[in-house]
Amino acid sequence: MPGPAMTLMTEEALNKMVRRDGKVGSKHEKHRGLLPFGNHSLFGDFPPDYIPQNLSAKIKMAKSMSAGSLPKIGSASSSDGFMSKAGSKKGLNSSMGMRKTFGNGFSSNPNLPPDSPPRAGSTFRRPVSTTQFRTFYDRGDLPISVMQGSGSGKIVWKVDLDKLDFHHYLPIFFDGLREKEDPYRFLAVTATYDMLNSGGSKILPVVPQLIIPMKTALNTRDEEIMCTMLKVLQKLVLSGDMIGEALVPYYRQILPIFNLFKNKNLNIGHDIDYSQRKRLNLGELIDETLEIFEVNGGEDAFINIKYMIPVYESCVKN
């Protein structure tokens, strides 16, 4: 059975075959401003005075799109017609001025009443910033490389895992779980699982350093990145004693995103979901992760989960 990294690569390749419109993959998401662009060349970025003309135009476009996909009500980039026609006379709260741009009130849905507010955007995807993992890997500071000719998806460790400094490397690999471009994604996911499998007692002291990479990855609201992080969280809790209890004080940083996407399930009626083995259903993964947190988090786990996610019901029988 292929590992988690190979599953992500296979799923992306299949999506590209099925959807031939060019809107699948990291290249399209870079031009949308959701993923960071790489270096200008193999040897790094060009000096400002020596940037080729065609590359300079692409860089300017990337900077203009780096704000992400969240709409900004009343800004020139999101509603030019409103600003030029109604902004100076009608004001932002005028339903007449907003209808000229958005159709009916603030919202683009014609079935909503006038002056209805726009979508809050709590589940909109956020742009993914450049990771520390990419910087360290491009510099050659990480003791890993891809095993060439391996169909099963393996990496080569240049240092014995028992001699590896978990305090330094494990947070870097956790930060790399936000990557969506190979080989960075493949290396980060595979290396994280290898370290969790062989870490043992070395993992528990590093847990506080992993909270910021966890929170950053979950806050991207990207379903693929969130699914990857949820699987890693399950593996982390089950990889050693007391790790589940060590995570309880940090529930307030991790669980708010769980609460937003808890009901994000695939509604297919009476049909069969043949992709269950890939474990890409976000709602089910969140339920599984919360249950693992409760079972392995000690006596205070349930009350802390319930405080952050009020609709959660205990999986432990009284």
C-alpha atoms as a PDB file:
ATOM      1  CA  MET A   1       0.000   0.000   0.000  1.00  0.00           C
ATOM      2  CA  PRO A   2       1.471   3.408  -0.955  1.00  0.00           C
ATOM      3  CA  GLY A   3       2.423   5.809   1.794  1.00  0.00           C
ATOM      4  CA  PRO A   4       0.757   9.157   2.542  1.00  0.00           C
ATOM      5  CA  ALA A   5       3.111  11.120   0.264  1.00  0.00           C
ATOM      6  CA  MET A   6       2.620   8.770  -2.685  1.00  0.00           C
ATOM      7  CA  THR A   7      -1.153   8.932  -2.163  1.00  0.00           C
ATOM      8  CA  LEU A   8      -1.050  12.722  -2.524  1.00  0.00           C
ATOM      9  CA  MET A   9       1.054  12.508  -5.685  1.00  0.00           C
ATOM     10  CA  THR A  10      -1.217   9.864  -7.224  1.00  0.00           C
ATOM     11  CA  GLU A  11      -4.366  11.832  -6.399  1.00  0.00           C
ATOM     12  CA  GLU A  12      -2.950  14.984  -8.004  1.00  0.00           C
ATOM     13  CA  ALA A  13      -1.947  13.067 -11.144  1.00  0.00           C
ATOM     14  CA  LEU A  14      -5.419  11.524 -11.436  1.00  0.00           C
ATOM     15  CA  ASN A  15      -7.093  14.911 -11.011  1.00  0.00           C
ATOM     16  CA  LYS A  16      -4.960  16.313 -13.822  1.00  0.00           C
ATOM     17  CA  MET A  17      -6.037  13.443 -16.080  1.00  0.00           C
ATOM     18  CA  VAL A  18      -9.723  13.838 -15.268  1.00  0.00           C
ATOM     19  CA  ARG A  19      -9.813  17.638 -15.352  1.00  0.00           C
ATOM     20  CA  ARG A  20      -8.039  18.804 -18.480  1.00  0.00           C
ATOM     21  CA  ASP A  21      -8.854  22.483 -18.045  1.00  0.00           C
ATOM     22  CA  GLY A  22      -5.464  23.295 -16.490  1.00  0.00           C
ATOM     23  CA  LYS A  23      -7.032  24.372 -13.181  1.00  0.00           C
ATOM     24  CA  VAL A  24      -5.508  21.549 -11.149  1.00  0.00           C
ATOM     25  CA  GLY A  25      -2.016  21.566  -9.716  1.00  0.00           C
ATOM     26  CA  SER A  26       0.488  23.886  -8.121  1.00  0.00           C
ATOM     27  CA  LYS A  27       1.109  25.950 -11.276  1.00  0.00           C
ATOM     28  CA  HIS A  28      -2.493  27.160 -11.440  1.00  0.00           C
ATOM     29  CA  GLU A  29      -2.580  27.884  -7.697  1.00  0.00           C
ATOM     30  CA  LYS A  30       0.622  29.936  -7.955  1.00  0.00           C
ATOM     31  CA  HIS A  31      -0.959  32.210 -10.543  1.00  0.00           C
ATOM     32  CA  ARG A  32      -4.008  32.570  -8.262  1.00  0.00           C
ATOM     33  CA  GLY A  33      -1.724  33.771  -5.486  1.00  0.00           C
ATOM     34  CA  LEU A  34      -2.394  30.784  -3.213  1.00  0.00           C
ATOM     35  CA  LEU A  35       1.088  29.228  -3.389  1.00  0.00           C
ATOM     36  CA  PRO A  36       4.486  30.959  -3.283  1.00  0.00           C
ATOM     37  CA  PHE A  37       6.607  31.204  -6.409  1.00  0.00           C
ATOM     38  CA  GLY A  38      10.013  29.559  -6.350  1.00  0.00           C
ATOM     39  CA  ASN A  39      13.396  31.106  -7.115  1.00  0.00           C
ATOM     40  CA  HIS A  40      14.022  32.828 -10.438  1.00  0.00           C
ATOM     41  CA  SER A  41      16.608  30.244 -11.431  1.00  0.00           C
ATOM     42  CA  LEU A  42      18.540  27.254 -10.172  1.00  0.00           C
ATOM     43  CA  PHE A  43      21.128  29.581  -8.629  1.00  0.00           C
ATOM     44  CA  GLY A  44      18.679  31.871  -6.832  1.00  0.00           C
ATOM     45  CA  ASP A  45      17.000  35.171  -7.644  1.00  0.00           C
ATOM     46  CA  PHE A  46      18.256  37.668 -10.217  1.00  0.00           C
ATOM     47  CA  PRO A  47      19.536  41.060  -8.996  1.00  0.00           C
ATOM     48  CA  PRO A  48      16.881  43.771  -9.502  1.00  0.00           C
ATOM     49  CA  ASP A  49      18.792  45.364 -12.412  1.00  0.00           C
ATOM     50  CA  TYR A  50      19.253  42.086 -14.298  1.00  0.00           C
ATOM     51  CA  ILE A  51      15.757  40.572 -14.186  1.00  0.00           C
ATOM     52  CA  PRO A  52      14.608  39.566 -17.714  1.00  0.00           C
ATOM     53  CA  GLN A  53      11.701  41.603 -19.022  1.00  0.00           C
ATOM     54  CA  ASN A  54       9.254  38.691 -19.340  1.00  0.00           C
ATOM     55  CA  LEU A  55      10.117  37.494 -15.813  1.00  0.00           C
ATOM     56  CA  SER A  56       9.709  41.003 -14.386  1.00  0.00           C
ATOM     57  CA  ALA A  57       6.084  41.126 -15.579  1.00  0.00           C
ATOM     58  CA  LYS A  58       5.343  37.772 -13.936  1.00  0.00           C
ATOM     59  CA  ILE A  59       6.885  38.910 -10.643  1.00  0.00           C
ATOM     60  CA  LYS A  60       4.734  42.057 -10.599  1.00  0.00           C
ATOM     61  CA  MET A  61       1.628  39.955 -11.258  1.00  0.00           C
ATOM     62  CA  ALA A  62       2.553  37.541  -8.460  1.00  0.00           C
ATOM     63  CA  LYS A  63       2.990  40.410  -5.979  1.00  0.00           C
ATOM     64  CA  SER A  64      -0.360  41.900  -6.968  1.00  0.00           C
ATOM     65  CA  MET A  65      -2.074  38.545  -6.381  1.00  0.00           C
ATOM     66  CA  SER A  66      -0.267  37.740  -3.121  1.00  0.00           C
ATOM     67  CA  ALA A  67      -3.161  39.148  -1.067  1.00  0.00           C
ATOM     68  CA  GLY A  68      -5.103  35.912  -1.635  1.00  0.00           C
ATOM     69  CA  SER A  69      -8.663  35.190  -2.737  1.00  0.00           C
ATOM     70  CA  LEU A  70     -10.581  36.900   0.079  1.00  0.00           C
ATOM     71  CA  PRO A  71     -12.853  39.648  -1.285  1.00  0.00           C
ATOM     72  CA  LYS A  72     -12.394  43.140   0.100  1.00  0.00           C
ATOM     73  CA  ILE A  73     -15.691  45.010   0.138  1.00  0.00           C
ATOM     74  CA  GLY A  74     -15.346  48.551  -1.145  1.00  0.00           C
ATOM     75  CA  SER A  75     -11.794  48.154  -2.443  1.00  0.00           C
ATOM     76  CA  ALA A  76     -10.860  49.100  -5.975  1.00  0.00           C
ATOM     77  CA  SER A  77      -9.654  45.590  -6.743  1.00  0.00           C
ATOM     78  CA  SER A  78     -12.925  43.903  -5.801  1.00  0.00           C
ATOM     79  CA  SER A  79     -15.570  46.421  -6.864  1.00  0.00           C
ATOM     80  CA  ASP A  80     -14.311  48.982  -9.372  1.00  0.00           C
ATOM     81  CA  GLY A  81     -17.796  49.773 -10.588  1.00  0.00           C
ATOM     82  CA  PHE A  82     -19.051  50.485  -7.069  1.00  0.00           C
ATOM     83  CA  MET A  83     -16.159  52.781  -6.227  1.00  0.00           C
ATOM     84  CA  SER A  84     -16.427  54.828  -9.401  1.00  0.00           C
ATOM     85  CA  LYS A  85     -20.218  55.043  -9.667  1.00  0.00           C
ATOM     86  CA  ALA A  86     -21.619  54.811  -6.160  1.00  0.00           C
ATOM     87  CA  GLY A  87     -18.728  55.046  -3.695  1.00  0.00           C
ATOM     88  CA  SER A  88     -18.508  58.826  -3.497  1.00  0.00           C
ATOM     89  CA  LYS A  89     -22.279  59.484  -3.458  1.00  0.00           C
ATOM     90  CA  LYS A  90     -24.055  56.488  -2.008  1.00  0.00           C
ATOM     91  CA  GLY A  91     -21.481  55.199   0.499  1.00  0.00           C
ATOM     92  CA  LEU A  92     -20.643  51.658   1.508  1.00  0.00           C
ATOM     93  CA  ASN A  93     -23.966  50.951   3.252  1.00  0.00           C
ATOM     94  CA  SER A  94     -26.130  51.969   0.319  1.00  0.00           C
ATOM     95  CA  SER A  95     -28.053  49.017  -1.072  1.00  0.00           C
ATOM     96  CA  MET A  96     -28.663  50.843  -4.346  1.00  0.00           C
ATOM     97  CA  GLY A  97     -24.981  51.393  -4.970  1.00  0.00           C
ATOM     98  CA  MET A  98     -24.042  47.843  -4.014  1.00  0.00           C
ATOM     99  CA  ARG A  99     -26.748  46.359  -6.244  1.00  0.00           C
ATOM    100  CA  LYS A 100     -25.040  47.888  -9.255  1.00  0.00           C
ATOM    101  CA  THR A 101     -21.974  45.826  -8.529  1.00  0.00           C
ATOM    102  CA  PHE A 102     -23.159  42.744  -6.631  1.00  0.00           C
ATOM    103  CA  GLY A 103     -26.717  42.433  -7.983  1.00  0.00           C
ATOM    104  CA  ASN A 104     -28.751  42.421  -4.770  1.00  0.00           C
ATOM    105  CA  GLY A 105     -27.423  44.092  -1.646  1.00  0.00           C
ATOM    106  CA  PHE A 106     -23.924  43.136  -0.562  1.00  0.00           C
ATOM    107  CA  SER A 107     -24.318  39.543  -1.702  1.00  0.00           C
ATOM    108  CA  SER A 108     -24.140  38.174  -5.236  1.00  0.00           C
ATOM    109  CA  ASN A 109     -27.041  35.806  -4.496  1.00  0.00           C
ATOM    110  CA  PRO A 110     -30.259  37.292  -6.016  1.00  0.00           C
ATOM    111  CA  ASN A 111     -32.432  35.229  -3.635  1.00  0.00           C
ATOM    112  CA  LEU A 112     -31.179  37.061  -0.534  1.00  0.00           C
ATOM    113  CA  PRO A 113     -32.942  40.175   0.794  1.00  0.00           C
ATOM    114  CA  PRO A 114     -31.559  43.646   0.046  1.00  0.00           C
ATOM    115  CA  ASP A 115     -28.620  44.851   2.102  1.00  0.00           C
ATOM    116  CA  SER A 116     -27.766  41.292   3.121  1.00  0.00           C
ATOM    117  CA  PRO A 117     -24.128  41.003   4.249  1.00  0.00           C
ATOM    118  CA  PRO A 118     -21.514  39.187   2.167  1.00  0.00           C
ATOM    119  CA  ARG A 119     -20.023  35.820   3.033  1.00  0.00           C
ATOM    120  CA  ALA A 120     -17.773  35.978   6.064  1.00  0.00           C
ATOM    121  CA  GLY A 121     -15.088  33.965   4.309  1.00  0.00           C
ATOM    122  CA  SER A 122     -14.239  31.845   7.338  1.00  0.00           C
ATOM    123  CA  THR A 123     -13.691  28.764   5.156  1.00  0.00           C
ATOM    124  CA  PHE A 124     -11.997  30.526   2.223  1.00  0.00           C
ATOM    125  CA  ARG A 125      -8.508  29.343   1.402  1.00  0.00           C
ATOM    126  CA  ARG A 126      -5.628  31.490   2.604  1.00  0.00           C
ATOM    127  CA  PRO A 127      -2.373  31.960   0.688  1.00  0.00           C
ATOM    128  CA  VAL A 128       0.420  29.592   1.697  1.00  0.00           C
ATOM    129  CA  SER A 129       3.602  31.436   2.607  1.00  0.00           C
ATOM    130  CA  THR A 130       7.093  30.132   1.904  1.00  0.00           C
ATOM    131  CA  THR A 131       8.072  27.433   4.378  1.00  0.00           C
ATOM    132  CA  GLN A 132      11.261  27.066   6.361  1.00  0.00           C
ATOM    133  CA  PHE A 133      11.525  23.542   5.008  1.00  0.00           C
ATOM    134  CA  ARG A 134      11.899  24.807   1.425  1.00  0.00           C
ATOM    135  CA  THR A 135      14.585  27.286   2.452  1.00  0.00           C
ATOM    136  CA  PHE A 136      16.607  24.683   4.345  1.00  0.00           C
ATOM    137  CA  TYR A 137      16.231  22.062   1.603  1.00  0.00           C
ATOM    138  CA  ASP A 138      17.290  24.429  -1.182  1.00  0.00           C
ATOM    139  CA  ARG A 139      20.360  25.321   0.873  1.00  0.00           C
ATOM    140  CA  GLY A 140      21.226  21.653   1.338  1.00  0.00           C
ATOM    141  CA  ASP A 141      20.914  21.786   5.127  1.00  0.00           C
ATOM    142  CA  LEU A 142      18.583  18.782   5.509  1.00  0.00           C
ATOM    143  CA  PRO A 143      20.009  15.228   5.714  1.00  0.00           C
ATOM    144  CA  ILE A 144      17.503  13.721   3.264  1.00  0.00           C
ATOM    145  CA  SER A 145      17.236  13.026  -0.444  1.00  0.00           C
ATOM    146  CA  VAL A 146      14.881  11.150  -2.748  1.00  0.00           C
ATOM    147  CA  MET A 147      15.724   7.497  -3.321  1.00  0.00           C
ATOM    148  CA  GLN A 148      16.000   7.378  -7.105  1.00  0.00           C
ATOM    149  CA  GLY A 149      14.398   4.443  -8.862  1.00  0.00           C
ATOM    150  CA  SER A 150      12.123   3.633  -5.927  1.00  0.00           C
ATOM    151  CA  GLY A 151       8.562   3.011  -7.066  1.00  0.00           C
ATOM    152  CA  SER A 152       7.268   2.768  -3.511  1.00  0.00           C
ATOM    153  CA  GLY A 153       8.213   6.327  -2.603  1.00  0.00           C
ATOM    154  CA  LYS A 154      11.122   6.301  -0.181  1.00  0.00           C
ATOM    155  CA  ILE A 155      13.747   8.771   0.945  1.00  0.00           C
ATOM    156  CA  VAL A 156      17.391   8.325   1.900  1.00  0.00           C
ATOM    157  CA  TRP A 157      18.549   9.546   5.294  1.00  0.00           C
ATOM    158  CA  LYS A 158      22.167  10.699   5.336  1.00  0.00           C
ATOM    159  CA  VAL A 159      22.223  10.448   9.143  1.00  0.00           C
ATOM    160  CA  ASP A 160      21.001   7.665  11.400  1.00  0.00           C
ATOM    161  CA  LEU A 161      17.577   8.599  12.817  1.00  0.00           C
ATOM    162  CA  ASP A 162      18.728   7.648  16.319  1.00  0.00           C
ATOM    163  CA  LYS A 163      21.417  10.342  16.137  1.00  0.00           C
ATOM    164  CA  LEU A 164      19.141  13.038  14.709  1.00  0.00           C
ATOM    165  CA  ASP A 165      18.379  16.199  16.701  1.00  0.00           C
ATOM    166  CA  PHE A 166      14.575  16.064  16.974  1.00  0.00           C
ATOM    167  CA  HIS A 167      14.384  19.539  18.542  1.00  0.00           C
ATOM    168  CA  HIS A 168      15.875  21.037  15.393  1.00  0.00           C
ATOM    169  CA  TYR A 169      14.570  18.900  12.527  1.00  0.00           C
ATOM    170  CA  LEU A 170      11.058  17.783  13.524  1.00  0.00           C
ATOM    171  CA  PRO A 171       9.580  21.349  13.630  1.00  0.00           C
ATOM    172  CA  ILE A 172      11.153  22.038  10.217  1.00  0.00           C
ATOM    173  CA  PHE A 173       9.542  18.945   8.703  1.00  0.00           C
ATOM    174  CA  PHE A 174       6.200  19.836  10.314  1.00  0.00           C
ATOM    175  CA  ASP A 175       6.466  23.272   8.717  1.00  0.00           C
ATOM    176  CA  GLY A 176       7.025  21.568   5.356  1.00  0.00           C
ATOM    177  CA  LEU A 177       3.634  19.845   5.575  1.00  0.00           C
ATOM    178  CA  ARG A 178       2.164  23.059   4.082  1.00  0.00           C
ATOM    179  CA  GLU A 179       3.959  22.381   0.814  1.00  0.00           C
ATOM    180  CA  LYS A 180       1.871  21.381  -2.200  1.00  0.00           C
ATOM    181  CA  GLU A 181       4.692  21.145  -4.725  1.00  0.00           C
ATOM    182  CA  ASP A 182       6.956  18.157  -5.158  1.00  0.00           C
ATOM    183  CA  PRO A 183       9.622  17.187  -4.228  1.00  0.00           C
ATOM    184  CA  TYR A 184       9.140  19.425  -1.159  1.00  0.00           C
ATOM    185  CA  ARG A 185       5.787  17.902  -0.210  1.00  0.00           C
ATOM    186  CA  PHE A 186       6.968  14.333  -0.790  1.00  0.00           C
ATOM    187  CA  LEU A 187      10.121  14.827   1.289  1.00  0.00           C
ATOM    188  CA  ALA A 188       8.409  16.672   4.147  1.00  0.00           C
ATOM    189  CA  VAL A 189       5.546  14.171   4.538  1.00  0.00           C
ATOM    190  CA  THR A 190       7.738  11.078   4.248  1.00  0.00           C
ATOM    191  CA  ALA A 191      10.417  12.447   6.597  1.00  0.00           C
ATOM    192  CA  THR A 192       7.802  13.409   9.197  1.00  0.00           C
ATOM    193  CA  TYR A 193       6.344   9.904   9.257  1.00  0.00           C
ATOM    194  CA  ASP A 194       9.822   8.341   9.431  1.00  0.00           C
ATOM    195  CA  MET A 195      10.741  10.484  12.430  1.00  0.00           C
ATOM    196  CA  LEU A 196       7.451   9.766  14.207  1.00  0.00           C
ATOM    197  CA  ASN A 197       7.884   6.021  13.621  1.00  0.00           C
ATOM    198  CA  SER A 198      11.360   5.935  15.128  1.00  0.00           C
ATOM    199  CA  GLY A 199      11.239   8.844  17.575  1.00  0.00           C
ATOM    200  CA  GLY A 200       9.867   7.159  20.664  1.00  0.00           C
ATOM    201  CA  SER A 201      10.623   9.155  23.801  1.00  0.00           C
ATOM    202  CA  LYS A 202      12.368  11.915  21.807  1.00  0.00           C
ATOM    203  CA  ILE A 203       9.055  13.252  20.475  1.00  0.00           C
ATOM    204  CA  LEU A 204       7.395  14.329  23.735  1.00  0.00           C
ATOM    205  CA  PRO A 205       9.857  17.166  24.607  1.00  0.00           C
ATOM    206  CA  VAL A 206       9.443  18.622  21.101  1.00  0.00           C
ATOM    207  CA  VAL A 207       5.618  18.919  21.221  1.00  0.00           C
ATOM    208  CA  PRO A 208       5.540  22.647  22.239  1.00  0.00           C
ATOM    209  CA  GLN A 209       7.701  23.511  19.205  1.00  0.00           C
ATOM    210  CA  LEU A 210       5.247  21.764  16.867  1.00  0.00           C
ATOM    211  CA  ILE A 211       2.207  23.874  17.784  1.00  0.00           C
ATOM    212  CA  ILE A 212       3.012  26.859  15.553  1.00  0.00           C
ATOM    213  CA  PRO A 213       3.592  24.715  12.410  1.00  0.00           C
ATOM    214  CA  MET A 214       0.354  22.842  13.170  1.00  0.00           C
ATOM    215  CA  LYS A 215      -1.654  26.031  13.599  1.00  0.00           C
ATOM    216  CA  THR A 216      -0.130  27.639  10.498  1.00  0.00           C
ATOM    217  CA  ALA A 217      -0.961  24.626   8.337  1.00  0.00           C
ATOM    218  CA  LEU A 218      -4.539  24.379   9.618  1.00  0.00           C
ATOM    219  CA  ASN A 219      -5.101  28.124   9.191  1.00  0.00           C
ATOM    220  CA  THR A 220      -4.482  27.862   5.449  1.00  0.00           C
ATOM    221  CA  ARG A 221      -8.002  26.384   5.191  1.00  0.00           C
ATOM    222  CA  ASP A 222      -6.676  24.281   2.303  1.00  0.00           C
ATOM    223  CA  GLU A 223      -8.450  20.915   2.470  1.00  0.00           C
ATOM    224  CA  GLU A 224      -5.490  18.942   1.143  1.00  0.00           C
ATOM    225  CA  ILE A 225      -3.068  20.507   3.633  1.00  0.00           C
ATOM    226  CA  MET A 226      -5.563  20.087   6.464  1.00  0.00           C
ATOM    227  CA  CYS A 227      -6.090  16.404   5.678  1.00  0.00           C
ATOM    228  CA  THR A 228      -2.326  15.850   5.655  1.00  0.00           C
ATOM    229  CA  MET A 229      -1.931  17.633   8.999  1.00  0.00           C
ATOM    230  CA  LEU A 230      -4.827  15.718  10.581  1.00  0.00           C
ATOM    231  CA  LYS A 231      -3.279  12.379   9.615  1.00  0.00           C
ATOM    232  CA  VAL A 232       0.054  13.512  11.041  1.00  0.00           C
ATOM    233  CA  LEU A 233      -1.658  14.647  14.258  1.00  0.00           C
ATOM    234  CA  GLN A 234      -3.185  11.193  14.666  1.00  0.00           C
ATOM    235  CA  LYS A 235       0.201   9.586  14.093  1.00  0.00           C
ATOM    236  CA  LEU A 236       1.829  12.019  16.531  1.00  0.00           C
ATOM    237  CA  VAL A 237      -0.572  11.233  19.374  1.00  0.00           C
ATOM    238  CA  LEU A 238      -0.200   7.479  18.849  1.00  0.00           C
ATOM    239  CA  SER A 239       3.603   7.539  18.492  1.00  0.00           C
ATOM    240  CA  GLY A 240       4.425   7.749  22.193  1.00  0.00           C
ATOM    241  CA  ASP A 241       3.163   7.926  25.747  1.00  0.00           C
ATOM    242  CA  MET A 242       1.865  11.184  27.236  1.00  0.00           C
ATOM    243  CA  ILE A 243       1.891  13.003  23.867  1.00  0.00           C
ATOM    244  CA  GLY A 244      -1.898  13.208  23.819  1.00  0.00           C
ATOM    245  CA  GLU A 245      -1.918  14.741  27.298  1.00  0.00           C
ATOM    246  CA  ALA A 246       0.836  17.184  26.324  1.00  0.00           C
ATOM    247  CA  LEU A 247      -1.375  18.532  23.526  1.00  0.00           C
ATOM    248  CA  VAL A 248      -4.332  19.351  25.822  1.00  0.00           C
ATOM    249  CA  PRO A 249      -3.049  22.827  26.872  1.00  0.00           C
ATOM    250  CA  TYR A 250      -2.766  23.760  23.182  1.00  0.00           C
ATOM    251  CA  TYR A 251      -6.316  22.852  22.140  1.00  0.00           C
ATOM    252  CA  ARG A 252      -7.223  26.533  21.963  1.00  0.00           C
ATOM    253  CA  GLN A 253      -4.683  26.982  19.174  1.00  0.00           C
ATOM    254  CA  ILE A 254      -5.571  23.813  17.239  1.00  0.00           C
ATOM    255  CA  LEU A 255      -9.293  23.153  17.619  1.00  0.00           C
ATOM    256  CA  PRO A 256     -10.927  26.395  16.329  1.00  0.00           C
ATOM    257  CA  ILE A 257     -10.288  25.283  12.738  1.00  0.00           C
ATOM    258  CA  PHE A 258     -11.727  21.856  13.594  1.00  0.00           C
ATOM    259  CA  ASN A 259     -14.930  23.594  14.630  1.00  0.00           C
ATOM    260  CA  LEU A 260     -15.207  25.359  11.260  1.00  0.00           C
ATOM    261  CA  PHE A 261     -14.855  22.218   9.135  1.00  0.00           C
ATOM    262  CA  LYS A 262     -16.370  19.560  11.393  1.00  0.00           C
ATOM    263  CA  ASN A 263     -19.410  19.135   9.128  1.00  0.00           C
ATOM    264  CA  LYS A 264     -17.416  19.173   5.884  1.00  0.00           C
ATOM    265  CA  ASN A 265     -18.560  15.725   4.749  1.00  0.00           C
ATOM    266  CA  LEU A 266     -19.179  14.250   1.321  1.00  0.00           C
ATOM    267  CA  ASN A 267     -22.921  13.995   0.718  1.00  0.00           C
ATOM    268  CA  ILE A 268     -23.368  11.346  -1.990  1.00  0.00           C
ATOM    269  CA  GLY A 269     -26.720   9.939  -0.892  1.00  0.00           C
ATOM    270  CA  HIS A 270     -26.960   6.187  -1.428  1.00  0.00           C
ATOM    271  CA  ASP A 271     -23.889   5.979  -3.663  1.00  0.00           C
ATOM    272  CA  ILE A 272     -20.618   4.348  -2.683  1.00  0.00           C
ATOM    273  CA  ASP A 273     -17.494   6.389  -1.962  1.00  0.00           C
ATOM    274  CA  TYR A 274     -14.726   4.351  -3.581  1.00  0.00           C
ATOM    275  CA  SER A 275     -11.976   6.702  -2.366  1.00  0.00           C
ATOM    276  CA  GLN A 276     -12.371   5.938   1.343  1.00  0.00           C
ATOM    277  CA  ARG A 277      -8.954   4.257   1.427  1.00  0.00           C
ATOM    278  CA  LYS A 278      -7.346   7.599   0.514  1.00  0.00           C
ATOM    279  CA  ARG A 279      -8.819   9.197   3.657  1.00  0.00           C
ATOM    280  CA  LEU A 280      -9.449  12.592   2.089  1.00  0.00           C
ATOM    281  CA  ASN A 281     -12.840  13.295   3.697  1.00  0.00           C
ATOM    282  CA  LEU A 282     -12.153  16.279   5.946  1.00  0.00           C
ATOM    283  CA  GLY A 283     -15.180  15.857   8.235  1.00  0.00           C
ATOM    284  CA  GLU A 284     -14.435  12.199   8.944  1.00  0.00           C
ATOM    285  CA  LEU A 285     -10.766  12.928   9.610  1.00  0.00           C
ATOM    286  CA  ILE A 286     -11.697  15.631  12.110  1.00  0.00           C
ATOM    287  CA  ASP A 287     -14.037  13.222  13.938  1.00  0.00           C
ATOM    288  CA  GLU A 288     -11.329  10.536  14.032  1.00  0.00           C
ATOM    289  CA  THR A 289      -8.736  13.008  15.299  1.00  0.00           C
ATOM    290  CA  LEU A 290     -11.009  14.325  18.053  1.00  0.00           C
ATOM    291  CA  GLU A 291     -11.755  10.788  19.225  1.00  0.00           C
ATOM    292  CA  ILE A 292      -8.031   9.977  19.342  1.00  0.00           C
ATOM    293  CA  PHE A 293      -7.442  13.198  21.282  1.00  0.00           C
ATOM    294  CA  GLU A 294     -10.110  12.238  23.816  1.00  0.00           C
ATOM    295  CA  VAL A 295      -8.972   8.652  24.282  1.00  0.00           C
ATOM    296  CA  ASN A 296      -5.269   9.539  24.639  1.00  0.00           C
ATOM    297  CA  GLY A 297      -5.574  12.972  26.247  1.00  0.00           C
ATOM    298  CA  GLY A 298      -6.312  11.989  29.807  1.00  0.00           C
ATOM    299  CA  GLU A 299      -9.195  13.028  32.057  1.00  0.00           C
ATOM    300  CA  ASP A 300      -9.139  16.701  31.005  1.00  0.00           C
ATOM    301  CA  ALA A 301      -9.267  16.070  27.270  1.00  0.00           C
ATOM    302  CA  PHE A 302     -13.035  15.810  26.821  1.00  0.00           C
ATOM    303  CA  ILE A 303     -13.971  18.959  28.728  1.00  0.00           C
ATOM    304  CA  ASN A 304     -11.387  20.976  26.778  1.00  0.00           C
ATOM    305  CA  ILE A 305     -12.607  19.578  23.458  1.00  0.00           C
ATOM    306  CA  LYS A 306     -16.199  20.295  24.462  1.00  0.00           C
ATOM    307  CA  TYR A 307     -15.293  23.871  25.352  1.00  0.00           C
ATOM    308  CA  MET A 308     -13.871  24.532  21.885  1.00  0.00           C
ATOM    309  CA  ILE A 309     -16.318  22.346  19.902  1.00  0.00           C
ATOM    310  CA  PRO A 310     -19.696  22.383  21.716  1.00  0.00           C
ATOM    311  CA  VAL A 311     -21.340  19.870  19.348  1.00  0.00           C
ATOM    312  CA  TYR A 312     -18.737  17.180  20.051  1.00  0.00           C
ATOM    313  CA  GLU A 313     -20.042  14.086  21.829  1.00  0.00           C
ATOM    314  CA  SER A 314     -17.837  11.774  23.826  1.00  0.00           C
ATOM    315  CA  CYS A 315     -16.777   8.478  22.235  1.00  0.00           C
ATOM    316  CA  VAL A 316     -15.890   6.962  25.617  1.00  0.00           C
ATOM    317  CA  LYS A 317     -18.661   5.061  27.368  1.00  0.00           C
ATOM    318  CA  ASN A 318     -19.320   6.080  30.956  1.00  0.00           C
END
